Every structure is written in structure tokens, then in C-alpha cells.
PDB file of N, CA and C in Angstrom:
ATOM      1  N   MET A   1      11.149 -72.918  47.808  1.00  0.00           N
ATOM      2  CA  MET A   1      10.073 -71.734  46.723  1.00  0.00           C
ATOM      3  C   MET A   1      10.538 -70.195  47.186  1.00  0.00           C
ATOM      4  N   ASN A   2      10.571 -68.995  46.019  1.00  0.00           N
ATOM      5  CA  ASN A   2      10.646 -67.806  46.503  1.00  0.00           C
ATOM      6  C   ASN A   2       9.058 -67.191  46.673  1.00  0.00           C
ATOM      7  N   ASN A   3       8.634 -66.888  47.965  1.00  0.00           N
ATOM      8  CA  ASN A   3       7.537 -66.096  47.806  1.00  0.00           C
ATOM      9  C   ASN A   3       7.401 -64.943  48.114  1.00  0.00           C
ATOM     10  N   ARG A   4       8.512 -64.404  47.821  1.00  0.00           N
ATOM     11  CA  ARG A   4       8.384 -62.740  47.596  1.00  0.00           C
ATOM     12  C   ARG A   4       7.559 -62.271  46.921  1.00  0.00           C
ATOM     13  N   PRO A   5       6.939 -61.043  47.226  1.00  0.00           N
ATOM     14  CA  PRO A   5       5.723 -60.372  45.945  1.00  0.00           C
ATOM     15  C   PRO A   5       6.664 -60.396  44.795  1.00  0.00           C
ATOM     16  N   GLN A   6       5.879 -60.115  43.722  1.00  0.00           N
ATOM     17  CA  GLN A   6       6.479 -60.050  42.190  1.00  0.00           C
ATOM     18  C   GLN A   6       6.935 -58.687  41.624  1.00  0.00           C
ATOM     19  N   THR A   7       7.818 -57.980  41.619  1.00  0.00           N
ATOM     20  CA  THR A   7       7.915 -56.330  41.315  1.00  0.00           C
ATOM     21  C   THR A   7       7.363 -55.825  40.505  1.00  0.00           C
ATOM     22  N   ALA A   8       7.153 -54.788  40.659  1.00  0.00           N
ATOM     23  CA  ALA A   8       6.451 -54.032  39.230  1.00  0.00           C
ATOM     24  C   ALA A   8       6.787 -54.535  37.803  1.00  0.00           C
ATOM     25  N   ARG A   9       8.192 -54.465  37.919  1.00  0.00           N
ATOM     26  CA  ARG A   9       8.909 -54.814  36.496  1.00  0.00           C
ATOM     27  C   ARG A   9       8.566 -55.991  36.466  1.00  0.00           C
ATOM     28  N   ALA A  10       8.965 -56.852  36.557  1.00  0.00           N
ATOM     29  CA  ALA A  10       8.687 -58.247  36.390  1.00  0.00           C
ATOM     30  C   ALA A  10       7.083 -58.366  36.293  1.00  0.00           C
ATOM     31  N   ARG A  11       6.074 -57.750  36.925  1.00  0.00           N
ATOM     32  CA  ARG A  11       4.066 -58.246  36.932  1.00  0.00           C
ATOM     33  C   ARG A  11       4.098 -57.800  35.074  1.00  0.00           C
ATOM     34  N   GLY A  12       5.147 -56.077  34.584  1.00  0.00           N
ATOM     35  CA  GLY A  12       4.667 -55.517  33.892  1.00  0.00           C
ATOM     36  C   GLY A  12       5.049 -57.102  32.375  1.00  0.00           C
ATOM     37  N   SER A  13       6.138 -57.000  32.438  1.00  0.00           N
ATOM     38  CA  SER A  13       7.198 -58.371  32.144  1.00  0.00           C
ATOM     39  C   SER A  13       5.907 -59.338  31.736  1.00  0.00           C
ATOM     40  N   ALA A  14       5.612 -60.042  32.692  1.00  0.00           N
ATOM     41  CA  ALA A  14       4.324 -61.333  32.980  1.00  0.00           C
ATOM     42  C   ALA A  14       3.096 -60.260  31.526  1.00  0.00           C
ATOM     43  N   ILE A  15       2.649 -59.517  32.091  1.00  0.00           N
ATOM     44  CA  ILE A  15       1.845 -58.898  31.333  1.00  0.00           C
ATOM     45  C   ILE A  15       1.781 -58.857  29.732  1.00  0.00           C
ATOM     46  N   GLU A  16       3.539 -58.264  29.460  1.00  0.00           N
ATOM     47  CA  GLU A  16       3.530 -58.376  28.437  1.00  0.00           C
ATOM     48  C   GLU A  16       3.652 -59.542  27.135  1.00  0.00           C
ATOM     49  N   ASP A  17       4.101 -60.558  28.042  1.00  0.00           N
ATOM     50  CA  ASP A  17       4.359 -62.239  28.046  1.00  0.00           C
ATOM     51  C   ASP A  17       3.131 -62.154  27.311  1.00  0.00           C
ATOM     52  N   LEU A  18       2.401 -62.599  28.022  1.00  0.00           N
ATOM     53  CA  LEU A  18       0.624 -63.151  27.670  1.00  0.00           C
ATOM     54  C   LEU A  18      -0.294 -61.956  26.383  1.00  0.00           C
ATOM     55  N   ALA A  19      -0.003 -60.659  26.984  1.00  0.00           N
ATOM     56  CA  ALA A  19      -0.072 -59.916  25.495  1.00  0.00           C
ATOM     57  C   ALA A  19       0.623 -60.139  24.660  1.00  0.00           C
ATOM     58  N   ALA A  20       1.769 -60.305  24.186  1.00  0.00           N
ATOM     59  CA  ALA A  20       2.249 -60.532  22.544  1.00  0.00           C
ATOM     60  C   ALA A  20       2.014 -61.726  22.583  1.00  0.00           C
ATOM     61  N   ARG A  21       1.569 -62.814  23.534  1.00  0.00           N
ATOM     62  CA  ARG A  21       0.732 -64.797  23.225  1.00  0.00           C
ATOM     63  C   ARG A  21      -0.331 -63.976  22.605  1.00  0.00           C
ATOM     64  N   TRP A  22      -1.192 -63.352  23.462  1.00  0.00           N
ATOM     65  CA  TRP A  22      -2.321 -62.598  22.914  1.00  0.00           C
ATOM     66  C   TRP A  22      -3.185 -62.481  21.376  1.00  0.00           C
ATOM     67  N   LEU A  23      -1.849 -61.598  20.931  1.00  0.00           N
ATOM     68  CA  LEU A  23      -1.899 -60.982  19.646  1.00  0.00           C
ATOM     69  C   LEU A  23      -1.670 -61.784  19.112  1.00  0.00           C
ATOM     70  N   GLU A  24      -0.211 -62.975  18.896  1.00  0.00           N
ATOM     71  CA  GLU A  24      -0.231 -63.450  18.100  1.00  0.00           C
ATOM     72  C   GLU A  24      -1.609 -64.637  18.262  1.00  0.00           C
ATOM     73  N   GLN A  25      -2.229 -64.962  18.701  1.00  0.00           N
ATOM     74  CA  GLN A  25      -2.815 -65.770  18.399  1.00  0.00           C
ATOM     75  C   GLN A  25      -4.223 -65.553  17.600  1.00  0.00           C
ATOM     76  N   ARG A  26      -3.968 -63.464  16.785  1.00  0.00           N
ATOM     77  CA  ARG A  26      -4.740 -63.076  16.454  1.00  0.00           C
ATOM     78  C   ARG A  26      -3.790 -62.759  15.123  1.00  0.00           C
ATOM     79  N   GLY A  27      -2.774 -63.720  14.609  1.00  0.00           N
ATOM     80  CA  GLY A  27      -2.109 -63.459  13.451  1.00  0.00           C
ATOM     81  C   GLY A  27      -0.652 -62.681  13.354  1.00  0.00           C
ATOM     82  N   LEU A  28      -0.671 -61.654  14.455  1.00  0.00           N
ATOM     83  CA  LEU A  28       0.815 -61.019  14.416  1.00  0.00           C
ATOM     84  C   LEU A  28       2.007 -61.617  14.933  1.00  0.00           C
ATOM     85  N   ALA A  29       2.895 -60.905  14.190  1.00  0.00           N
ATOM     86  CA  ALA A  29       4.448 -61.764  14.532  1.00  0.00           C
ATOM     87  C   ALA A  29       5.218 -61.331  15.480  1.00  0.00           C
ATOM     88  N   LEU A  30       5.305 -61.962  16.560  1.00  0.00           N
ATOM     89  CA  LEU A  30       6.555 -60.614  17.298  1.00  0.00           C
ATOM     90  C   LEU A  30       7.616 -60.619  16.709  1.00  0.00           C
ATOM     91  N   VAL A  31       8.293 -59.502  16.691  1.00  0.00           N
ATOM     92  CA  VAL A  31       9.571 -58.698  16.097  1.00  0.00           C
ATOM     93  C   VAL A  31      10.508 -58.607  17.529  1.00  0.00           C
ATOM     94  N   GLY A  32      10.281 -58.001  18.032  1.00  0.00           N
ATOM     95  CA  GLY A  32      10.550 -57.324  19.329  1.00  0.00           C
ATOM     96  C   GLY A  32      10.195 -56.741  20.853  1.00  0.00           C
ATOM     97  N   ARG A  33      10.949 -56.628  21.701  1.00  0.00           N
ATOM     98  CA  ARG A  33       9.835 -56.019  22.685  1.00  0.00           C
ATOM     99  C   ARG A  33      10.634 -55.643  23.670  1.00  0.00           C
ATOM    100  N   ASN A  34       9.965 -54.819  24.476  1.00  0.00           N
ATOM    101  CA  ASN A  34      11.105 -53.384  25.425  1.00  0.00           C
ATOM    102  C   ASN A  34      12.555 -52.993  24.790  1.00  0.00           C
ATOM    103  N   GLN A  35      11.914 -52.173  23.712  1.00  0.00           N
ATOM    104  CA  GLN A  35      12.928 -51.193  22.561  1.00  0.00           C
ATOM    105  C   GLN A  35      13.151 -50.347  22.924  1.00  0.00           C
ATOM    106  N   HIS A  36      14.133 -49.983  23.713  1.00  0.00           N
ATOM    107  CA  HIS A  36      14.579 -48.596  24.134  1.00  0.00           C
ATOM    108  C   HIS A  36      15.291 -47.996  22.762  1.00  0.00           C
ATOM    109  N   ALA A  37      14.479 -47.109  22.455  1.00  0.00           N
ATOM    110  CA  ALA A  37      15.020 -45.483  21.857  1.00  0.00           C
ATOM    111  C   ALA A  37      14.650 -43.899  22.394  1.00  0.00           C
ATOM    112  N   LYS A  38      15.421 -43.366  21.804  1.00  0.00           N
ATOM    113  CA  LYS A  38      15.772 -41.698  22.472  1.00  0.00           C
ATOM    114  C   LYS A  38      13.791 -41.453  22.190  1.00  0.00           C
ATOM    115  N   GLY A  39      13.954 -41.036  23.955  1.00  0.00           N
ATOM    116  CA  GLY A  39      12.622 -40.504  23.956  1.00  0.00           C
ATOM    117  C   GLY A  39      11.751 -41.725  24.581  1.00  0.00           C
ATOM    118  N   GLY A  40      11.865 -42.749  24.816  1.00  0.00           N
ATOM    119  CA  GLY A  40      11.008 -43.699  25.438  1.00  0.00           C
ATOM    120  C   GLY A  40      11.445 -45.215  25.143  1.00  0.00           C
ATOM    121  N   GLU A  41      10.454 -45.973  25.447  1.00  0.00           N
ATOM    122  CA  GLU A  41      10.549 -47.762  25.286  1.00  0.00           C
ATOM    123  C   GLU A  41       9.088 -47.956  24.626  1.00  0.00           C
ATOM    124  N   LEU A  42       9.363 -48.975  23.690  1.00  0.00           N
ATOM    125  CA  LEU A  42       8.533 -49.595  22.828  1.00  0.00           C
ATOM    126  C   LEU A  42       7.930 -50.579  23.662  1.00  0.00           C
ATOM    127  N   ASP A  43       6.655 -51.144  24.370  1.00  0.00           N
ATOM    128  CA  ASP A  43       6.748 -52.406  24.290  1.00  0.00           C
ATOM    129  C   ASP A  43       6.512 -53.807  24.087  1.00  0.00           C
ATOM    130  N   LEU A  44       5.939 -53.803  22.801  1.00  0.00           N
ATOM    131  CA  LEU A  44       6.220 -54.545  21.719  1.00  0.00           C
ATOM    132  C   LEU A  44       6.320 -54.119  20.028  1.00  0.00           C
ATOM    133  N   ILE A  45       7.276 -54.737  19.413  1.00  0.00           N
ATOM    134  CA  ILE A  45       6.984 -54.565  18.100  1.00  0.00           C
ATOM    135  C   ILE A  45       6.338 -55.581  17.288  1.00  0.00           C
ATOM    136  N   MET A  46       5.528 -55.262  16.668  1.00  0.00           N
ATOM    137  CA  MET A  46       4.958 -57.059  15.871  1.00  0.00           C
ATOM    138  C   MET A  46       4.633 -57.186  14.410  1.00  0.00           C
ATOM    139  N   GLU A  47       4.644 -57.497  12.865  1.00  0.00           N
ATOM    140  CA  GLU A  47       4.259 -57.393  12.470  1.00  0.00           C
ATOM    141  C   GLU A  47       2.901 -58.082  12.254  1.00  0.00           C
ATOM    142  N   ASP A  48       1.787 -57.293  11.345  1.00  0.00           N
ATOM    143  CA  ASP A  48       0.686 -57.807  10.664  1.00  0.00           C
ATOM    144  C   ASP A  48       0.761 -57.791   9.322  1.00  0.00           C
ATOM    145  N   GLY A  49       1.323 -59.020   8.693  1.00  0.00           N
ATOM    146  CA  GLY A  49       1.249 -58.517   7.163  1.00  0.00           C
ATOM    147  C   GLY A  49       2.543 -58.098   6.831  1.00  0.00           C
ATOM    148  N   ASP A  50       2.601 -56.952   6.061  1.00  0.00           N
ATOM    149  CA  ASP A  50       3.271 -56.176   5.477  1.00  0.00           C
ATOM    150  C   ASP A  50       3.560 -54.960   6.964  1.00  0.00           C
ATOM    151  N   THR A  51       2.537 -55.238   7.632  1.00  0.00           N
ATOM    152  CA  THR A  51       2.314 -53.208   8.203  1.00  0.00           C
ATOM    153  C   THR A  51       2.977 -53.662   9.881  1.00  0.00           C
ATOM    154  N   LEU A  52       3.978 -52.780   9.762  1.00  0.00           N
ATOM    155  CA  LEU A  52       4.867 -53.271  11.629  1.00  0.00           C
ATOM    156  C   LEU A  52       4.176 -52.217  12.539  1.00  0.00           C
ATOM    157  N   VAL A  53       3.815 -52.941  13.643  1.00  0.00           N
ATOM    158  CA  VAL A  53       2.982 -52.728  14.523  1.00  0.00           C
ATOM    159  C   VAL A  53       3.766 -52.000  15.812  1.00  0.00           C
ATOM    160  N   PHE A  54       3.967 -50.897  16.078  1.00  0.00           N
ATOM    161  CA  PHE A  54       4.321 -50.794  17.486  1.00  0.00           C
ATOM    162  C   PHE A  54       3.377 -50.947  18.436  1.00  0.00           C
ATOM    163  N   VAL A  55       2.679 -52.173  19.788  1.00  0.00           N
ATOM    164  CA  VAL A  55       2.165 -52.119  20.544  1.00  0.00           C
ATOM    165  C   VAL A  55       2.396 -51.519  21.260  1.00  0.00           C
ATOM    166  N   GLU A  56       1.537 -50.473  22.485  1.00  0.00           N
ATOM    167  CA  GLU A  56       1.887 -50.245  23.898  1.00  0.00           C
ATOM    168  C   GLU A  56       0.684 -51.129  24.941  1.00  0.00           C
ATOM    169  N   VAL A  57       1.219 -51.473  25.752  1.00  0.00           N
ATOM    170  CA  VAL A  57       0.567 -51.968  26.243  1.00  0.00           C
ATOM    171  C   VAL A  57       0.308 -51.769  27.787  1.00  0.00           C
ATOM    172  N   LYS A  58      -1.201 -51.543  28.316  1.00  0.00           N
ATOM    173  CA  LYS A  58      -1.314 -50.443  29.240  1.00  0.00           C
ATOM    174  C   LYS A  58      -2.195 -51.589  30.210  1.00  0.00           C
ATOM    175  N   HIS A  59      -1.893 -51.803  31.385  1.00  0.00           N
ATOM    176  CA  HIS A  59      -2.706 -53.107  31.918  1.00  0.00           C
ATOM    177  C   HIS A  59      -3.111 -52.132  33.416  1.00  0.00           C
ATOM    178  N   ARG A  60      -3.624 -52.479  34.596  1.00  0.00           N
ATOM    179  CA  ARG A  60      -4.218 -51.925  35.353  1.00  0.00           C
ATOM    180  C   ARG A  60      -4.893 -53.566  35.995  1.00  0.00           C
ATOM    181  N   GLU A  61      -5.228 -53.594  37.481  1.00  0.00           N
ATOM    182  CA  GLU A  61      -6.468 -54.776  37.398  1.00  0.00           C
ATOM    183  C   GLU A  61      -7.409 -53.804  37.896  1.00  0.00           C
ATOM    184  N   THR A  62      -8.034 -53.169  37.865  1.00  0.00           N
ATOM    185  CA  THR A  62      -9.663 -53.151  37.818  1.00  0.00           C
ATOM    186  C   THR A  62      -9.549 -51.188  37.045  1.00  0.00           C
ATOM    187  N   ALA A  63     -10.746 -51.175  36.795  1.00  0.00           N
ATOM    188  CA  ALA A  63     -10.713 -49.427  36.222  1.00  0.00           C
ATOM    189  C   ALA A  63     -10.990 -48.858  36.649  1.00  0.00           C
ATOM    190  N   ARG A  64     -11.012 -48.958  38.615  1.00  0.00           N
ATOM    191  CA  ARG A  64     -11.434 -48.277  39.625  1.00  0.00           C
ATOM    192  C   ARG A  64     -10.883 -46.303  39.248  1.00  0.00           C
ATOM    193  N   TYR A  65      -9.509 -46.532  39.142  1.00  0.00           N
ATOM    194  CA  TYR A  65      -8.886 -45.397  38.937  1.00  0.00           C
ATOM    195  C   TYR A  65      -8.928 -44.346  37.179  1.00  0.00           C
ATOM    196  N   GLY A  66      -9.990 -45.660  36.474  1.00  0.00           N
ATOM    197  CA  GLY A  66      -9.375 -44.884  35.236  1.00  0.00           C
ATOM    198  C   GLY A  66      -9.238 -46.374  34.187  1.00  0.00           C
ATOM    199  N   HIS A  67      -9.371 -45.938  33.066  1.00  0.00           N
ATOM    200  CA  HIS A  67      -9.064 -47.356  32.021  1.00  0.00           C
ATOM    201  C   HIS A  67      -8.239 -47.342  31.421  1.00  0.00           C
ATOM    202  N   PRO A  68      -7.146 -48.326  31.033  1.00  0.00           N
ATOM    203  CA  PRO A  68      -5.676 -48.605  30.739  1.00  0.00           C
ATOM    204  C   PRO A  68      -5.819 -47.685  29.313  1.00  0.00           C
ATOM    205  N   LEU A  69      -6.404 -47.427  28.549  1.00  0.00           N
ATOM    206  CA  LEU A  69      -6.335 -46.705  27.566  1.00  0.00           C
ATOM    207  C   LEU A  69      -6.232 -45.385  27.858  1.00  0.00           C
ATOM    208  N   GLU A  70      -6.963 -44.777  29.155  1.00  0.00           N
ATOM    209  CA  GLU A  70      -6.689 -43.218  29.224  1.00  0.00           C
ATOM    210  C   GLU A  70      -5.511 -42.696  29.560  1.00  0.00           C
ATOM    211  N   THR A  71      -4.544 -43.421  29.917  1.00  0.00           N
ATOM    212  CA  THR A  71      -3.021 -43.710  30.659  1.00  0.00           C
ATOM    213  C   THR A  71      -2.241 -43.169  28.482  1.00  0.00           C
ATOM    214  N   VAL A  72      -2.818 -43.258  27.679  1.00  0.00           N
ATOM    215  CA  VAL A  72      -2.407 -42.857  26.564  1.00  0.00           C
ATOM    216  C   VAL A  72      -2.217 -42.049  26.084  1.00  0.00           C
ATOM    217  N   THR A  73      -1.746 -40.822  27.177  1.00  0.00           N
ATOM    218  CA  THR A  73      -2.345 -39.451  26.346  1.00  0.00           C
ATOM    219  C   THR A  73      -1.582 -38.605  25.350  1.00  0.00           C
ATOM    220  N   ALA A  74      -1.796 -37.412  25.343  1.00  0.00           N
ATOM    221  CA  ALA A  74      -1.037 -36.812  23.625  1.00  0.00           C
ATOM    222  C   ALA A  74       0.729 -36.788  24.153  1.00  0.00           C
ATOM    223  N   GLN A  75       1.104 -36.439  25.355  1.00  0.00           N
ATOM    224  CA  GLN A  75       2.826 -36.578  25.419  1.00  0.00           C
ATOM    225  C   GLN A  75       2.954 -38.122  25.345  1.00  0.00           C
ATOM    226  N   LYS A  76       2.252 -39.337  25.652  1.00  0.00           N
ATOM    227  CA  LYS A  76       3.055 -40.705  25.709  1.00  0.00           C
ATOM    228  C   LYS A  76       2.507 -41.136  23.938  1.00  0.00           C
ATOM    229  N   GLN A  77       1.849 -40.530  23.820  1.00  0.00           N
ATOM    230  CA  GLN A  77       1.657 -40.728  22.198  1.00  0.00           C
ATOM    231  C   GLN A  77       3.557 -39.690  21.347  1.00  0.00           C
ATOM    232  N   ARG A  78       3.334 -38.646  21.873  1.00  0.00           N
ATOM    233  CA  ARG A  78       4.342 -38.408  21.721  1.00  0.00           C
ATOM    234  C   ARG A  78       5.726 -39.158  21.494  1.00  0.00           C
ATOM    235  N   ARG A  79       6.268 -39.555  23.271  1.00  0.00           N
ATOM    236  CA  ARG A  79       7.287 -40.214  23.333  1.00  0.00           C
ATOM    237  C   ARG A  79       6.927 -41.643  22.484  1.00  0.00           C
ATOM    238  N   LEU A  80       6.312 -42.172  21.977  1.00  0.00           N
ATOM    239  CA  LEU A  80       5.550 -43.496  21.371  1.00  0.00           C
ATOM    240  C   LEU A  80       6.478 -42.878  19.775  1.00  0.00           C
ATOM    241  N   ILE A  81       5.272 -42.236  19.318  1.00  0.00           N
ATOM    242  CA  ILE A  81       6.161 -41.632  18.300  1.00  0.00           C
ATOM    243  C   ILE A  81       7.933 -41.456  17.871  1.00  0.00           C
ATOM    244  N   LYS A  82       8.148 -40.564  18.663  1.00  0.00           N
ATOM    245  CA  LYS A  82       9.722 -40.174  18.879  1.00  0.00           C
ATOM    246  C   LYS A  82      10.836 -41.847  18.490  1.00  0.00           C
ATOM    247  N   ALA A  83      10.345 -42.572  20.214  1.00  0.00           N
ATOM    248  CA  ALA A  83      10.749 -43.729  19.939  1.00  0.00           C
ATOM    249  C   ALA A  83      10.710 -44.546  18.560  1.00  0.00           C
ATOM    250  N   ALA A  84       9.573 -44.570  17.936  1.00  0.00           N
ATOM    251  CA  ALA A  84       9.553 -45.273  16.883  1.00  0.00           C
ATOM    252  C   ALA A  84      10.435 -44.908  15.829  1.00  0.00           C
ATOM    253  N   ARG A  85      10.394 -43.284  15.549  1.00  0.00           N
ATOM    254  CA  ARG A  85      11.251 -42.940  14.727  1.00  0.00           C
ATOM    255  C   ARG A  85      12.461 -43.358  15.287  1.00  0.00           C
ATOM    256  N   THR A  86      13.120 -43.331  15.951  1.00  0.00           N
ATOM    257  CA  THR A  86      14.220 -43.238  15.986  1.00  0.00           C
ATOM    258  C   THR A  86      15.015 -45.371  16.181  1.00  0.00           C
ATOM    259  N   TYR A  87      13.485 -45.946  16.571  1.00  0.00           N
ATOM    260  CA  TYR A  87      13.898 -47.368  16.157  1.00  0.00           C
ATOM    261  C   TYR A  87      13.810 -47.738  14.692  1.00  0.00           C
ATOM    262  N   LEU A  88      13.051 -46.376  14.060  1.00  0.00           N
ATOM    263  CA  LEU A  88      12.999 -46.815  12.563  1.00  0.00           C
ATOM    264  C   LEU A  88      14.436 -46.556  11.594  1.00  0.00           C
ATOM    265  N   ALA A  89      14.969 -45.753  11.756  1.00  0.00           N
ATOM    266  CA  ALA A  89      16.181 -45.500  11.548  1.00  0.00           C
ATOM    267  C   ALA A  89      17.926 -46.822  11.388  1.00  0.00           C
ATOM    268  N   ARG A  90      16.866 -47.156  12.669  1.00  0.00           N
ATOM    269  CA  ARG A  90      18.120 -48.378  13.098  1.00  0.00           C
ATOM    270  C   ARG A  90      17.605 -49.567  12.452  1.00  0.00           C
ATOM    271  N   GLU A  91      16.611 -49.398  12.268  1.00  0.00           N
ATOM    272  CA  GLU A  91      15.989 -50.927  11.320  1.00  0.00           C
ATOM    273  C   GLU A  91      15.377 -50.851  10.614  1.00  0.00           C
ATOM    274  N   PRO A  92      15.187 -50.098   9.871  1.00  0.00           N
ATOM    275  CA  PRO A  92      14.536 -49.743   8.222  1.00  0.00           C
ATOM    276  C   PRO A  92      13.145 -51.142   8.076  1.00  0.00           C
ATOM    277  N   HIS A  93      11.804 -50.049   7.515  1.00  0.00           N
ATOM    278  CA  HIS A  93      11.085 -50.975   7.410  1.00  0.00           C
ATOM    279  C   HIS A  93      10.191 -50.042   6.074  1.00  0.00           C
ATOM    280  N   GLN A  94       9.927 -50.751   5.695  1.00  0.00           N
ATOM    281  CA  GLN A  94       9.611 -50.983   3.883  1.00  0.00           C
ATOM    282  C   GLN A  94       7.971 -50.260   3.798  1.00  0.00           C
ATOM    283  N   GLY A  95       6.948 -51.539   4.784  1.00  0.00           N
ATOM    284  CA  GLY A  95       6.297 -50.917   4.348  1.00  0.00           C
ATOM    285  C   GLY A  95       5.197 -50.349   5.422  1.00  0.00           C
ATOM    286  N   PRO A  96       3.742 -50.213   5.740  1.00  0.00           N
ATOM    287  CA  PRO A  96       3.258 -49.366   6.434  1.00  0.00           C
ATOM    288  C   PRO A  96       3.441 -49.355   8.232  1.00  0.00           C
ATOM    289  N   CYS A  97       3.544 -48.608   9.084  1.00  0.00           N
ATOM    290  CA  CYS A  97       3.558 -48.858  10.372  1.00  0.00           C
ATOM    291  C   CYS A  97       2.441 -48.291  11.205  1.00  0.00           C
ATOM    292  N   ARG A  98       2.040 -48.726  12.405  1.00  0.00           N
ATOM    293  CA  ARG A  98       1.233 -48.233  12.792  1.00  0.00           C
ATOM    294  C   ARG A  98       1.031 -48.094  14.535  1.00  0.00           C
ATOM    295  N   PHE A  99       0.349 -47.621  14.933  1.00  0.00           N
ATOM    296  CA  PHE A  99       0.470 -48.055  17.022  1.00  0.00           C
ATOM    297  C   PHE A  99      -0.619 -48.159  16.899  1.00  0.00           C
ATOM    298  N   ASP A 100      -0.309 -49.801  17.702  1.00  0.00           N
ATOM    299  CA  ASP A 100      -1.951 -50.026  18.351  1.00  0.00           C
ATOM    300  C   ASP A 100      -1.493 -49.845  20.009  1.00  0.00           C
ATOM    301  N   ILE A 101      -2.979 -50.012  20.817  1.00  0.00           N
ATOM    302  CA  ILE A 101      -2.792 -50.103  22.227  1.00  0.00           C
ATOM    303  C   ILE A 101      -3.263 -51.324  22.601  1.00  0.00           C
ATOM    304  N   LEU A 102      -2.550 -52.235  23.134  1.00  0.00           N
ATOM    305  CA  LEU A 102      -3.301 -52.821  23.862  1.00  0.00           C
ATOM    306  C   LEU A 102      -3.846 -52.594  25.522  1.00  0.00           C
ATOM    307  N   ALA A 103      -5.042 -52.580  26.276  1.00  0.00           N
ATOM    308  CA  ALA A 103      -5.230 -52.671  27.392  1.00  0.00           C
ATOM    309  C   ALA A 103      -5.721 -53.584  27.931  1.00  0.00           C
ATOM    310  N   VAL A 104      -5.022 -54.102  29.076  1.00  0.00           N
ATOM    311  CA  VAL A 104      -5.612 -55.157  29.791  1.00  0.00           C
ATOM    312  C   VAL A 104      -5.407 -55.272  31.445  1.00  0.00           C
ATOM    313  N   LEU A 105      -7.235 -55.758  31.489  1.00  0.00           N
ATOM    314  CA  LEU A 105      -8.039 -55.505  32.744  1.00  0.00           C
ATOM    315  C   LEU A 105      -7.914 -56.519  33.350  1.00  0.00           C
ATOM    316  N   GLY A 106      -7.504 -56.541  35.230  1.00  0.00           N
ATOM    317  CA  GLY A 106      -7.442 -58.215  35.609  1.00  0.00           C
ATOM    318  C   GLY A 106      -6.599 -58.630  36.434  1.00  0.00           C
ATOM    319  N   THR A 107      -6.571 -59.578  36.892  1.00  0.00           N
ATOM    320  CA  THR A 107      -5.404 -59.841  37.013  1.00  0.00           C
ATOM    321  C   THR A 107      -4.966 -61.581  36.259  1.00  0.00           C
ATOM    322  N   PRO A 108      -3.591 -61.829  36.335  1.00  0.00           N
ATOM    323  CA  PRO A 108      -3.844 -63.429  35.676  1.00  0.00           C
ATOM    324  C   PRO A 108      -4.520 -64.705  36.290  1.00  0.00           C
ATOM    325  N   PRO A 109      -5.004 -65.683  36.148  1.00  0.00           N
ATOM    326  CA  PRO A 109      -5.185 -65.758  34.640  1.00  0.00           C
ATOM    327  C   PRO A 109      -6.658 -65.126  34.373  1.00  0.00           C
ATOM    328  N   ALA A 110      -7.338 -64.357  35.189  1.00  0.00           N
ATOM    329  CA  ALA A 110      -9.004 -63.495  34.638  1.00  0.00           C
ATOM    330  C   ALA A 110      -8.052 -62.273  33.693  1.00  0.00           C
ATOM    331  N   LEU A 111      -8.105 -62.454  32.763  1.00  0.00           N
ATOM    332  CA  LEU A 111      -7.706 -60.797  31.923  1.00  0.00           C
ATOM    333  C   LEU A 111      -8.348 -60.870  30.832  1.00  0.00           C
ATOM    334  N   THR A 112      -8.798 -59.433  30.571  1.00  0.00           N
ATOM    335  CA  THR A 112      -9.827 -58.916  29.104  1.00  0.00           C
ATOM    336  C   THR A 112      -8.873 -57.902  28.500  1.00  0.00           C
ATOM    337  N   PHE A 113      -8.754 -58.530  27.206  1.00  0.00           N
ATOM    338  CA  PHE A 113      -7.879 -57.731  25.943  1.00  0.00           C
ATOM    339  C   PHE A 113      -8.781 -56.446  25.788  1.00  0.00           C
ATOM    340  N   GLU A 114      -8.160 -55.625  25.544  1.00  0.00           N
ATOM    341  CA  GLU A 114      -9.209 -54.402  24.727  1.00  0.00           C
ATOM    342  C   GLU A 114      -7.987 -54.159  23.683  1.00  0.00           C
ATOM    343  N   TRP A 115      -7.817 -54.607  22.587  1.00  0.00           N
ATOM    344  CA  TRP A 115      -7.240 -53.815  21.320  1.00  0.00           C
ATOM    345  C   TRP A 115      -7.769 -53.161  20.043  1.00  0.00           C
ATOM    346  N   VAL A 116      -6.814 -51.371  20.530  1.00  0.00           N
ATOM    347  CA  VAL A 116      -7.319 -50.507  19.963  1.00  0.00           C
ATOM    348  C   VAL A 116      -6.261 -50.160  18.311  1.00  0.00           C
ATOM    349  N   GLN A 117      -7.020 -50.865  17.301  1.00  0.00           N
ATOM    350  CA  GLN A 117      -5.222 -50.900  16.632  1.00  0.00           C
ATOM    351  C   GLN A 117      -5.888 -49.763  15.549  1.00  0.00           C
ATOM    352  N   ALA A 118      -4.228 -48.891  15.247  1.00  0.00           N
ATOM    353  CA  ALA A 118      -4.231 -47.565  14.635  1.00  0.00           C
ATOM    354  C   ALA A 118      -4.795 -46.507  15.436  1.00  0.00           C
ATOM    355  N   ALA A 119      -4.457 -47.020  16.884  1.00  0.00           N
ATOM    356  CA  ALA A 119      -4.757 -45.394  18.112  1.00  0.00           C
ATOM    357  C   ALA A 119      -4.920 -44.569  17.310  1.00  0.00           C
ATOM    358  N   PHE A 120      -3.729 -44.177  16.947  1.00  0.00           N
ATOM    359  CA  PHE A 120      -3.423 -42.561  16.587  1.00  0.00           C
ATOM    360  C   PHE A 120      -2.454 -42.692  15.653  1.00  0.00           C
ATOM    361  N   ASP A 121      -2.014 -41.178  14.962  1.00  0.00           N
ATOM    362  CA  ASP A 121      -0.950 -42.238  13.727  1.00  0.00           C
ATOM    363  C   ASP A 121       0.089 -40.213  13.898  1.00  0.00           C
ATOM    364  N   ALA A 122       1.082 -40.845  13.093  1.00  0.00           N
ATOM    365  CA  ALA A 122       2.213 -40.395  13.072  1.00  0.00           C
ATOM    366  C   ALA A 122       2.991 -40.145  11.940  1.00  0.00           C
ATOM    367  N   PHE A 123       2.811 -41.280  10.846  1.00  0.00           N
ATOM    368  CA  PHE A 123       3.617 -41.357   9.420  1.00  0.00           C
ATOM    369  C   PHE A 123       2.899 -40.577   8.787  1.00  0.00           C
TER     370      PHE A 123
END
């Protein structure tokens, strides 16, 4: 058994897995994840009915130094919008789109989720 500590990338991937499952339990369907596009990366791409949802997953073990939602600044929003536009140029979608943020606090298995739908607009 490997007792090495998990890398930040591995922890992030594990949290995104849990986040995707949590959202699927609430009716969303996973389309893609970790889509690299000009300007940034889209954590989760999901469908909510006919709406394509770009989900930014933010995790912190505690809110001692700020809530995860606070990390999605205006600059980060601009990068996500640019990445989404690049994605949509490659993968056209006819329906509406939105940007959600899923804040995750804690350490597995004791996680809490705060889902902000339509957190900001771009389209």
C-alpha cells in the first residue's frame, strides 16, 4: 500500500469526482470535466435539462481564511467565460448556458456543499 500523501492535483480530482456525483444526484448529467480551453479550464460541464452548465468547483478544508465562493473573482469569471466560449466554438450547443459555482468545505467524507446556480452571467 502506498502511504505517500495525495498531491494537490489528485485531491482536486477526487473532490471534483464527489462534486459531479453530488450534482448528478440533484438531476444534472455530466457531459465533460477538466476541459482545457484558451484562457482556462472548465472543471465540470453538465446538463440541467436543455441548459448547458459550466460548474466551477472550489474546495477548502475550512473557511478560516475565507469561503471558497470568495475565490471566484471577477478576473476568474472572465477566464471562465473565455474558456466557455472557446468550448462552445468546438462543441456547439443550441440551448441556454449558465455558470454555477459549487463550494465544497471539509475533508472527505465530512463535506458540505453550497451550490450557487447562475452565479454570474456572460451570454
